[in-house]
């Protein structure tokens, strides 16, 4: 017995809106549109800034969100929180390494504080969904706020306590892990700036862009000024 067309359409949409199912090193030309040239800062330039690390679902979305924030000079997609050395996207996606998709955020503390970045992190995803964010499921999509020192750890834990005390999420449990950063592995080059490079990708249009737009609506005071 064949499935009704409406069920087939729903299944196709579900499959098309998964971070894993939309990745291909050989991206179809239909996934691309001409985009304005983007001058990326050199590593030497980035070394002068502070870093912060977060995981909150597909790193395509998370990278785009943080790069929209004033004071953020660059966001790099990668893997953190696991034990495997030099993990690949295929390994992480299969849940074989313990890593989560994460971003490394380079920021200027004169323009934005670590506390504000923590606020951006919690304000741009649902920290109450265990091992899931939107259509993406598995421990590789879990919520993690990493810290590099005790000061950052205290800021994260204090913010979580405030969210709980104010019942921001009602009676739902905040599942965000608070972890010391052990090692961050930069993801394969084709993942970097994925949202900007592939605006017609079905995951980008159905999941990533709406998530970014929701964040922008709620955090307008944190956004970089548009350059026209």
C-alpha atoms as a PDB file:
ATOM      1  CA  UNK A   1       0.000   0.000   0.000  1.00  0.00           C
ATOM      2  CA  UNK A   2       1.414   3.377  -0.976  1.00  0.00           C
ATOM      3  CA  UNK A   3       1.446   6.273   1.444  1.00  0.00           C
ATOM      4  CA  UNK A   4      -1.015   9.113   0.795  1.00  0.00           C
ATOM      5  CA  UNK A   5       0.546  12.065  -0.980  1.00  0.00           C
ATOM      6  CA  UNK A   6       0.136  14.305   2.066  1.00  0.00           C
ATOM      7  CA  UNK A   7       2.148  11.848   4.194  1.00  0.00           C
ATOM      8  CA  UNK A   8       4.814  11.553   1.532  1.00  0.00           C
ATOM      9  CA  UNK A   9       5.081  15.337   1.426  1.00  0.00           C
ATOM     10  CA  UNK A  10       5.392  15.532   5.192  1.00  0.00           C
ATOM     11  CA  UNK A  11       8.069  12.833   5.180  1.00  0.00           C
ATOM     12  CA  UNK A  12      10.004  14.599   2.445  1.00  0.00           C
ATOM     13  CA  UNK A  13       9.899  17.864   4.400  1.00  0.00           C
ATOM     14  CA  UNK A  14      11.121  16.159   7.569  1.00  0.00           C
ATOM     15  CA  UNK A  15      14.013  14.577   5.700  1.00  0.00           C
ATOM     16  CA  UNK A  16      14.883  17.831   3.956  1.00  0.00           C
ATOM     17  CA  UNK A  17      14.990  19.789   7.186  1.00  0.00           C
ATOM     18  CA  UNK A  18      17.693  17.848   8.956  1.00  0.00           C
ATOM     19  CA  UNK A  19      21.195  19.212   9.332  1.00  0.00           C
ATOM     20  CA  UNK A  20      22.744  15.786   8.601  1.00  0.00           C
ATOM     21  CA  UNK A  21      20.570  14.995   5.592  1.00  0.00           C
ATOM     22  CA  UNK A  22      21.416  18.307   3.920  1.00  0.00           C
ATOM     23  CA  UNK A  23      25.182  17.960   3.910  1.00  0.00           C
ATOM     24  CA  UNK A  24      27.097  17.041   0.824  1.00  0.00           C
ATOM     25  CA  UNK A  25      30.651  17.997   0.013  1.00  0.00           C
ATOM     26  CA  UNK A  26      29.550  18.294  -3.607  1.00  0.00           C
ATOM     27  CA  UNK A  27      26.760  20.795  -3.100  1.00  0.00           C
ATOM     28  CA  UNK A  28      24.335  21.190  -5.991  1.00  0.00           C
ATOM     29  CA  UNK A  29      24.463  24.504  -7.769  1.00  0.00           C
ATOM     30  CA  UNK A  30      20.762  24.962  -6.985  1.00  0.00           C
ATOM     31  CA  UNK A  31      21.731  25.333  -3.319  1.00  0.00           C
ATOM     32  CA  UNK A  32      23.743  28.418  -4.111  1.00  0.00           C
ATOM     33  CA  UNK A  33      23.086  32.016  -4.971  1.00  0.00           C
ATOM     34  CA  UNK A  34      25.705  34.677  -5.650  1.00  0.00           C
ATOM     35  CA  UNK A  35      26.670  36.243  -2.329  1.00  0.00           C
ATOM     36  CA  UNK A  36      28.631  39.352  -1.593  1.00  0.00           C
ATOM     37  CA  UNK A  37      32.332  38.746  -1.126  1.00  0.00           C
ATOM     38  CA  UNK A  38      33.172  38.358   2.535  1.00  0.00           C
ATOM     39  CA  UNK A  39      36.606  39.315   3.755  1.00  0.00           C
ATOM     40  CA  UNK A  40      37.470  37.005   6.616  1.00  0.00           C
ATOM     41  CA  UNK A  41      39.919  38.148   9.297  1.00  0.00           C
ATOM     42  CA  UNK A  42      43.259  36.386   9.408  1.00  0.00           C
ATOM     43  CA  UNK A  43      44.184  34.136  12.313  1.00  0.00           C
ATOM     44  CA  UNK A  44      46.778  36.701  13.324  1.00  0.00           C
ATOM     45  CA  UNK A  45      44.051  39.326  13.568  1.00  0.00           C
ATOM     46  CA  UNK A  46      41.777  36.978  15.527  1.00  0.00           C
ATOM     47  CA  UNK A  47      44.454  36.083  18.064  1.00  0.00           C
ATOM     48  CA  UNK A  48      44.064  39.483  19.708  1.00  0.00           C
ATOM     49  CA  UNK A  49      40.473  38.724  20.755  1.00  0.00           C
ATOM     50  CA  UNK A  50      38.871  36.642  23.513  1.00  0.00           C
ATOM     51  CA  UNK A  51      37.176  33.328  22.741  1.00  0.00           C
ATOM     52  CA  UNK A  52      33.981  31.635  23.895  1.00  0.00           C
ATOM     53  CA  UNK A  53      32.559  28.237  22.993  1.00  0.00           C
ATOM     54  CA  UNK A  54      28.931  27.114  22.727  1.00  0.00           C
ATOM     55  CA  UNK A  55      26.901  24.197  21.374  1.00  0.00           C
ATOM     56  CA  UNK A  56      23.169  24.508  20.723  1.00  0.00           C
ATOM     57  CA  UNK A  57      22.158  22.432  17.742  1.00  0.00           C
ATOM     58  CA  UNK A  58      23.327  22.490  14.137  1.00  0.00           C
ATOM     59  CA  UNK A  59      26.440  24.623  13.964  1.00  0.00           C
ATOM     60  CA  UNK A  60      25.324  26.209  10.698  1.00  0.00           C
ATOM     61  CA  UNK A  61      22.601  28.007  12.653  1.00  0.00           C
ATOM     62  CA  UNK A  62      24.718  28.790  15.697  1.00  0.00           C
ATOM     63  CA  UNK A  63      27.576  30.232  13.661  1.00  0.00           C
ATOM     64  CA  UNK A  64      25.222  32.570  11.778  1.00  0.00           C
ATOM     65  CA  UNK A  65      23.593  33.763  15.004  1.00  0.00           C
ATOM     66  CA  UNK A  66      26.838  34.700  16.716  1.00  0.00           C
ATOM     67  CA  UNK A  67      28.243  36.330  13.599  1.00  0.00           C
ATOM     68  CA  UNK A  68      25.248  38.680  13.620  1.00  0.00           C
ATOM     69  CA  UNK A  69      26.193  39.953  17.103  1.00  0.00           C
ATOM     70  CA  UNK A  70      28.135  43.181  17.517  1.00  0.00           C
ATOM     71  CA  UNK A  71      31.581  42.693  18.983  1.00  0.00           C
ATOM     72  CA  UNK A  72      31.882  39.209  17.496  1.00  0.00           C
ATOM     73  CA  UNK A  73      34.712  39.176  14.984  1.00  0.00           C
ATOM     74  CA  UNK A  74      34.340  35.604  13.793  1.00  0.00           C
ATOM     75  CA  UNK A  75      32.522  32.364  14.598  1.00  0.00           C
ATOM     76  CA  UNK A  76      34.000  29.030  13.574  1.00  0.00           C
ATOM     77  CA  UNK A  77      32.061  25.775  13.294  1.00  0.00           C
ATOM     78  CA  UNK A  78      33.597  22.723  14.930  1.00  0.00           C
ATOM     79  CA  UNK A  79      33.335  19.921  17.467  1.00  0.00           C
ATOM     80  CA  UNK A  80      33.814  19.886  21.240  1.00  0.00           C
ATOM     81  CA  UNK A  81      32.758  17.989  24.332  1.00  0.00           C
ATOM     82  CA  UNK A  82      33.861  14.517  23.284  1.00  0.00           C
ATOM     83  CA  UNK A  83      36.853  12.219  23.593  1.00  0.00           C
ATOM     84  CA  UNK A  84      37.775  11.261  20.029  1.00  0.00           C
ATOM     85  CA  UNK A  85      40.808  13.053  18.565  1.00  0.00           C
ATOM     86  CA  UNK A  86      40.383  14.795  15.217  1.00  0.00           C
ATOM     87  CA  UNK A  87      36.746  13.765  14.743  1.00  0.00           C
ATOM     88  CA  UNK A  88      35.093  13.957  11.344  1.00  0.00           C
ATOM     89  CA  UNK A  89      31.588  15.195  10.589  1.00  0.00           C
ATOM     90  CA  UNK A  90      30.495  11.671   9.720  1.00  0.00           C
ATOM     91  CA  UNK A  91      31.759  10.320  13.053  1.00  0.00           C
ATOM     92  CA  UNK A  92      30.160  13.100  15.088  1.00  0.00           C
ATOM     93  CA  UNK A  93      26.901  12.809  13.181  1.00  0.00           C
ATOM     94  CA  UNK A  94      26.769   9.086  13.880  1.00  0.00           C
ATOM     95  CA  UNK A  95      27.188   9.755  17.609  1.00  0.00           C
ATOM     96  CA  UNK A  96      30.496   7.881  17.768  1.00  0.00           C
ATOM     97  CA  UNK A  97      32.707  10.479  19.447  1.00  0.00           C
ATOM     98  CA  UNK A  98      30.742  12.150  22.243  1.00  0.00           C
ATOM     99  CA  UNK A  99      31.323  15.507  20.589  1.00  0.00           C
ATOM    100  CA  UNK A 100      28.651  18.097  19.954  1.00  0.00           C
ATOM    101  CA  UNK A 101      28.522  20.450  17.015  1.00  0.00           C
ATOM    102  CA  UNK A 102      29.903  23.662  18.501  1.00  0.00           C
ATOM    103  CA  UNK A 103      31.151  27.111  17.607  1.00  0.00           C
ATOM    104  CA  UNK A 104      34.250  29.017  18.620  1.00  0.00           C
ATOM    105  CA  UNK A 105      33.401  32.685  19.011  1.00  0.00           C
ATOM    106  CA  UNK A 106      36.088  35.354  18.715  1.00  0.00           C
ATOM    107  CA  UNK A 107      34.908  38.546  20.400  1.00  0.00           C
ATOM    108  CA  UNK A 108      36.152  41.927  21.530  1.00  0.00           C
ATOM    109  CA  UNK A 109      35.434  42.301  25.276  1.00  0.00           C
ATOM    110  CA  UNK A 110      35.474  46.079  24.799  1.00  0.00           C
ATOM    111  CA  UNK A 111      32.362  45.742  22.643  1.00  0.00           C
ATOM    112  CA  UNK A 112      30.545  42.794  24.192  1.00  0.00           C
ATOM    113  CA  UNK A 113      30.970  40.863  27.423  1.00  0.00           C
ATOM    114  CA  UNK A 114      31.098  37.126  28.030  1.00  0.00           C
ATOM    115  CA  UNK A 115      27.913  37.521  30.070  1.00  0.00           C
ATOM    116  CA  UNK A 116      26.163  39.011  27.043  1.00  0.00           C
ATOM    117  CA  UNK A 117      27.347  36.103  24.890  1.00  0.00           C
ATOM    118  CA  UNK A 118      25.882  33.693  27.434  1.00  0.00           C
ATOM    119  CA  UNK A 119      22.616  35.598  27.160  1.00  0.00           C
ATOM    120  CA  UNK A 120      22.777  35.291  23.365  1.00  0.00           C
ATOM    121  CA  UNK A 121      23.408  31.562  23.727  1.00  0.00           C
ATOM    122  CA  UNK A 122      20.387  30.911  25.936  1.00  0.00           C
ATOM    123  CA  UNK A 123      18.209  33.367  24.032  1.00  0.00           C
ATOM    124  CA  UNK A 124      18.817  31.719  20.669  1.00  0.00           C
ATOM    125  CA  UNK A 125      17.844  28.108  21.373  1.00  0.00           C
ATOM    126  CA  UNK A 126      15.669  25.932  23.601  1.00  0.00           C
ATOM    127  CA  UNK A 127      17.876  24.661  26.453  1.00  0.00           C
ATOM    128  CA  UNK A 128      15.120  22.387  27.772  1.00  0.00           C
ATOM    129  CA  UNK A 129      15.152  19.858  24.906  1.00  0.00           C
ATOM    130  CA  UNK A 130      17.550  17.041  25.794  1.00  0.00           C
ATOM    131  CA  UNK A 131      19.817  15.948  22.937  1.00  0.00           C
ATOM    132  CA  UNK A 132      17.672  17.798  20.435  1.00  0.00           C
ATOM    133  CA  UNK A 133      17.276  21.159  18.809  1.00  0.00           C
ATOM    134  CA  UNK A 134      14.449  21.652  16.370  1.00  0.00           C
ATOM    135  CA  UNK A 135      14.413  18.776  13.853  1.00  0.00           C
ATOM    136  CA  UNK A 136      17.933  17.655  14.786  1.00  0.00           C
ATOM    137  CA  UNK A 137      18.134  14.816  17.288  1.00  0.00           C
ATOM    138  CA  UNK A 138      21.063  13.126  18.989  1.00  0.00           C
ATOM    139  CA  UNK A 139      23.749  13.982  21.562  1.00  0.00           C
ATOM    140  CA  UNK A 140      25.718  15.796  18.863  1.00  0.00           C
ATOM    141  CA  UNK A 141      23.018  18.489  19.005  1.00  0.00           C
ATOM    142  CA  UNK A 142      22.916  18.850  22.789  1.00  0.00           C
ATOM    143  CA  UNK A 143      23.138  22.169  24.595  1.00  0.00           C
ATOM    144  CA  UNK A 144      26.544  22.942  26.137  1.00  0.00           C
ATOM    145  CA  UNK A 145      28.063  26.133  27.522  1.00  0.00           C
ATOM    146  CA  UNK A 146      31.824  25.679  27.745  1.00  0.00           C
ATOM    147  CA  UNK A 147      34.118  27.597  30.072  1.00  0.00           C
ATOM    148  CA  UNK A 148      37.855  28.218  29.987  1.00  0.00           C
ATOM    149  CA  UNK A 149      38.257  29.499  33.536  1.00  0.00           C
ATOM    150  CA  UNK A 150      36.421  29.705  36.851  1.00  0.00           C
ATOM    151  CA  UNK A 151      35.138  33.203  36.145  1.00  0.00           C
ATOM    152  CA  UNK A 152      33.332  32.019  33.014  1.00  0.00           C
ATOM    153  CA  UNK A 153      31.991  28.981  34.851  1.00  0.00           C
ATOM    154  CA  UNK A 154      30.540  31.201  37.571  1.00  0.00           C
ATOM    155  CA  UNK A 155      28.901  33.488  34.994  1.00  0.00           C
ATOM    156  CA  UNK A 156      27.248  30.543  33.217  1.00  0.00           C
ATOM    157  CA  UNK A 157      26.036  28.893  36.405  1.00  0.00           C
ATOM    158  CA  UNK A 158      24.734  32.188  37.802  1.00  0.00           C
ATOM    159  CA  UNK A 159      22.807  32.839  34.607  1.00  0.00           C
ATOM    160  CA  UNK A 160      21.245  29.380  34.674  1.00  0.00           C
ATOM    161  CA  UNK A 161      20.255  29.923  38.303  1.00  0.00           C
ATOM    162  CA  UNK A 162      18.613  33.223  37.378  1.00  0.00           C
ATOM    163  CA  UNK A 163      16.656  31.536  34.575  1.00  0.00           C
ATOM    164  CA  UNK A 164      15.451  28.879  37.007  1.00  0.00           C
ATOM    165  CA  UNK A 165      14.598  31.349  39.779  1.00  0.00           C
ATOM    166  CA  UNK A 166      12.570  33.463  37.363  1.00  0.00           C
ATOM    167  CA  UNK A 167      10.930  30.353  35.878  1.00  0.00           C
ATOM    168  CA  UNK A 168      11.718  31.568  32.377  1.00  0.00           C
ATOM    169  CA  UNK A 169      10.990  28.064  31.083  1.00  0.00           C
ATOM    170  CA  UNK A 170       8.216  27.322  33.554  1.00  0.00           C
ATOM    171  CA  UNK A 171       8.686  23.936  35.165  1.00  0.00           C
ATOM    172  CA  UNK A 172      10.758  22.568  32.292  1.00  0.00           C
ATOM    173  CA  UNK A 173      14.265  21.411  33.187  1.00  0.00           C
ATOM    174  CA  UNK A 174      17.237  23.236  31.696  1.00  0.00           C
ATOM    175  CA  UNK A 175      19.352  20.458  30.210  1.00  0.00           C
ATOM    176  CA  UNK A 176      22.343  22.600  29.227  1.00  0.00           C
ATOM    177  CA  UNK A 177      25.665  21.053  30.213  1.00  0.00           C
ATOM    178  CA  UNK A 178      28.311  23.309  31.744  1.00  0.00           C
ATOM    179  CA  UNK A 179      31.670  21.871  30.745  1.00  0.00           C
ATOM    180  CA  UNK A 180      35.327  22.903  30.849  1.00  0.00           C
ATOM    181  CA  UNK A 181      36.671  23.253  27.324  1.00  0.00           C
ATOM    182  CA  UNK A 182      39.119  20.449  26.676  1.00  0.00           C
ATOM    183  CA  UNK A 183      39.690  20.695  22.948  1.00  0.00           C
ATOM    184  CA  UNK A 184      37.923  22.370  20.054  1.00  0.00           C
ATOM    185  CA  UNK A 185      38.315  20.851  16.608  1.00  0.00           C
ATOM    186  CA  UNK A 186      37.541  23.046  13.630  1.00  0.00           C
ATOM    187  CA  UNK A 187      35.018  21.428  11.299  1.00  0.00           C
ATOM    188  CA  UNK A 188      35.695  20.708   7.666  1.00  0.00           C
ATOM    189  CA  UNK A 189      36.019  23.805   5.488  1.00  0.00           C
ATOM    190  CA  UNK A 190      32.753  23.198   3.627  1.00  0.00           C
ATOM    191  CA  UNK A 191      30.854  23.754   6.884  1.00  0.00           C
ATOM    192  CA  UNK A 192      32.253  27.236   7.483  1.00  0.00           C
ATOM    193  CA  UNK A 193      29.810  30.078   6.659  1.00  0.00           C
ATOM    194  CA  UNK A 194      27.425  27.401   5.368  1.00  0.00           C
ATOM    195  CA  UNK A 195      24.291  29.490   5.772  1.00  0.00           C
ATOM    196  CA  UNK A 196      25.719  32.408   3.820  1.00  0.00           C
ATOM    197  CA  UNK A 197      27.116  30.211   1.058  1.00  0.00           C
ATOM    198  CA  UNK A 198      24.019  28.036   0.576  1.00  0.00           C
ATOM    199  CA  UNK A 199      20.937  30.257   0.997  1.00  0.00           C
ATOM    200  CA  UNK A 200      18.754  27.939  -1.120  1.00  0.00           C
ATOM    201  CA  UNK A 201      19.530  24.799   0.871  1.00  0.00           C
ATOM    202  CA  UNK A 202      16.236  23.458   2.243  1.00  0.00           C
ATOM    203  CA  UNK A 203      17.535  23.183   5.817  1.00  0.00           C
ATOM    204  CA  UNK A 204      18.810  26.755   5.680  1.00  0.00           C
ATOM    205  CA  UNK A 205      15.508  28.168   4.404  1.00  0.00           C
ATOM    206  CA  UNK A 206      13.242  26.046   6.633  1.00  0.00           C
ATOM    207  CA  UNK A 207      15.209  25.894   9.884  1.00  0.00           C
ATOM    208  CA  UNK A 208      18.353  28.005  10.054  1.00  0.00           C
ATOM    209  CA  UNK A 209      17.079  31.329   8.691  1.00  0.00           C
ATOM    210  CA  UNK A 210      13.824  31.285  10.729  1.00  0.00           C
ATOM    211  CA  UNK A 211      15.861  30.584  13.863  1.00  0.00           C
ATOM    212  CA  UNK A 212      18.223  33.448  13.055  1.00  0.00           C
ATOM    213  CA  UNK A 213      15.310  35.798  12.380  1.00  0.00           C
ATOM    214  CA  UNK A 214      13.644  34.907  15.696  1.00  0.00           C
ATOM    215  CA  UNK A 215      16.874  35.729  17.475  1.00  0.00           C
ATOM    216  CA  UNK A 216      17.195  39.058  15.655  1.00  0.00           C
ATOM    217  CA  UNK A 217      13.664  40.058  16.631  1.00  0.00           C
ATOM    218  CA  UNK A 218      14.382  39.456  20.316  1.00  0.00           C
ATOM    219  CA  UNK A 219      17.934  40.824  20.507  1.00  0.00           C
ATOM    220  CA  UNK A 220      17.918  43.859  18.253  1.00  0.00           C
ATOM    221  CA  UNK A 221      20.139  45.826  20.636  1.00  0.00           C
ATOM    222  CA  UNK A 222      22.893  43.205  20.242  1.00  0.00           C
ATOM    223  CA  UNK A 223      22.958  43.166  16.450  1.00  0.00           C
ATOM    224  CA  UNK A 224      25.652  44.558  14.200  1.00  0.00           C
ATOM    225  CA  UNK A 225      24.593  47.533  12.152  1.00  0.00           C
ATOM    226  CA  UNK A 226      23.622  46.588   8.612  1.00  0.00           C
ATOM    227  CA  UNK A 227      26.051  47.761   5.977  1.00  0.00           C
ATOM    228  CA  UNK A 228      24.343  49.045   2.848  1.00  0.00           C
END
